[in-house]
């Protein structure tokens, strides 16, 4: 059963921006939440995370300074603002709790054209 729902993906040109949204059930409010992505033929990789309080937001080096993760507990949504997108950012983006639950959602496809 899918419990986190991703949206906001699409086609964008190099240098463009997108904002992804992850809606989660209220009972997950005290969990850290993370974004992951999986490009064709590659393993799923970590993109960003946010603590339940929102005060810790670790990122890997390859998105540092370009992606920003935020959360709105009132609406139980986690956002991923992606700026300065590159073709190598093309992937299906997923959200999950930290640690990840076994049931992943369908993700949302981000395609960055060169």
Protein backbone atom coordinates (compact mmCIF):
# COMPACT_ATOMS: atom_id res chain seq x y z
CA UNK A 1 0.00 0.00 0.00
CA UNK A 2 1.39 3.36 -1.09
CA UNK A 3 1.55 5.84 1.74
CA UNK A 4 3.64 8.68 0.32
CA UNK A 5 2.64 10.28 -2.98
CA UNK A 6 5.04 12.20 -5.19
CA UNK A 7 4.14 14.82 -7.79
CA UNK A 8 5.56 17.77 -9.68
CA UNK A 9 7.85 16.15 -12.20
CA UNK A 10 7.99 17.11 -15.84
CA UNK A 11 10.14 18.11 -18.77
CA UNK A 12 12.45 21.08 -18.34
CA UNK A 13 15.44 22.50 -20.19
CA UNK A 14 18.95 22.61 -18.79
CA UNK A 15 19.16 25.37 -16.21
CA UNK A 16 15.46 25.25 -15.47
CA UNK A 17 13.63 24.62 -12.21
CA UNK A 18 10.99 22.28 -10.85
CA UNK A 19 9.36 21.85 -7.46
CA UNK A 20 8.45 18.36 -6.40
CA UNK A 21 5.93 17.60 -3.68
CA UNK A 22 5.56 14.58 -1.42
CA UNK A 23 2.33 14.18 0.51
CA UNK A 24 2.61 11.93 3.54
CA UNK A 25 0.14 10.68 6.15
CA UNK A 26 -0.12 12.67 9.35
CA UNK A 27 1.13 9.73 11.39
CA UNK A 28 4.53 10.15 9.65
CA UNK A 29 4.87 13.70 10.90
CA UNK A 30 7.54 12.75 13.44
CA UNK A 31 9.70 10.96 10.88
CA UNK A 32 12.52 12.44 8.88
CA UNK A 33 11.68 12.38 5.18
CA UNK A 34 14.00 12.04 2.22
CA UNK A 35 14.02 12.29 -1.55
CA UNK A 36 15.74 9.70 -3.67
CA UNK A 37 16.08 9.28 -7.41
CA UNK A 38 16.70 6.50 -9.87
CA UNK A 39 17.96 7.06 -13.38
CA UNK A 40 17.56 4.40 -16.08
CA UNK A 41 19.99 1.57 -15.54
CA UNK A 42 21.29 2.99 -12.27
CA UNK A 43 20.73 2.33 -8.59
CA UNK A 44 18.45 4.49 -6.51
CA UNK A 45 20.42 7.30 -4.84
CA UNK A 46 19.86 9.72 -2.00
CA UNK A 47 19.07 13.32 -3.00
CA UNK A 48 18.02 15.20 0.14
CA UNK A 49 16.54 14.69 3.59
CA UNK A 50 14.81 16.77 6.20
CA UNK A 51 14.42 16.06 9.90
CA UNK A 52 10.95 16.01 11.41
CA UNK A 53 11.59 19.45 12.91
CA UNK A 54 13.01 20.81 9.67
CA UNK A 55 16.26 21.97 11.22
CA UNK A 56 18.54 19.41 9.56
CA UNK A 57 18.72 19.09 5.78
CA UNK A 58 21.63 17.02 4.54
CA UNK A 59 22.38 16.87 0.81
CA UNK A 60 24.92 14.96 -1.26
CA UNK A 61 27.58 17.03 -2.98
CA UNK A 62 26.06 16.71 -6.44
CA UNK A 63 22.93 18.70 -5.50
CA UNK A 64 24.40 21.01 -2.85
CA UNK A 65 23.46 24.58 -3.63
CA UNK A 66 20.96 23.63 -6.32
CA UNK A 67 18.25 21.67 -4.46
CA UNK A 68 16.38 22.73 -1.34
CA UNK A 69 14.13 20.51 0.75
CA UNK A 70 11.44 21.95 3.00
CA UNK A 71 8.42 20.63 4.81
CA UNK A 72 5.01 21.91 5.85
CA UNK A 73 3.69 19.91 8.78
CA UNK A 74 0.32 21.62 8.58
CA UNK A 75 -0.28 20.23 5.12
CA UNK A 76 1.94 17.15 5.63
CA UNK A 77 3.96 17.92 2.50
CA UNK A 78 7.67 17.82 1.80
CA UNK A 79 8.90 19.89 -1.12
CA UNK A 80 12.04 19.59 -3.19
CA UNK A 81 12.91 22.78 -5.03
CA UNK A 82 15.31 21.96 -7.83
CA UNK A 83 17.15 24.77 -9.58
CA UNK A 84 19.90 24.84 -12.21
CA UNK A 85 18.83 21.43 -13.44
CA UNK A 86 21.23 19.37 -15.54
CA UNK A 87 20.59 16.49 -17.94
CA UNK A 88 22.17 14.15 -15.38
CA UNK A 89 19.36 15.03 -12.98
CA UNK A 90 16.97 13.13 -15.24
CA UNK A 91 15.43 10.35 -13.14
CA UNK A 92 12.33 9.16 -11.35
CA UNK A 93 12.21 10.90 -7.99
CA UNK A 94 10.81 9.17 -4.94
CA UNK A 95 10.17 10.21 -1.35
CA UNK A 96 10.21 8.00 1.68
CA UNK A 97 10.67 8.15 5.41
CA UNK A 98 14.06 7.81 7.06
CA UNK A 99 14.76 4.93 7.38
CA UNK A 100 12.88 4.05 4.18
CA UNK A 101 9.71 1.99 4.40
CA UNK A 102 9.61 -1.10 2.19
CA UNK A 103 6.71 0.12 0.04
CA UNK A 104 7.89 2.79 -2.36
CA UNK A 105 5.48 5.01 -4.30
CA UNK A 106 5.38 5.38 -8.06
CA UNK A 107 7.66 8.40 -8.02
CA UNK A 108 7.55 11.37 -10.35
CA UNK A 109 9.57 11.60 -13.55
CA UNK A 110 11.93 14.50 -14.08
CA UNK A 111 13.41 14.91 -17.54
CA UNK A 112 16.02 17.58 -18.22
CA UNK A 113 16.73 18.22 -21.87
CA UNK A 114 20.10 19.48 -23.07
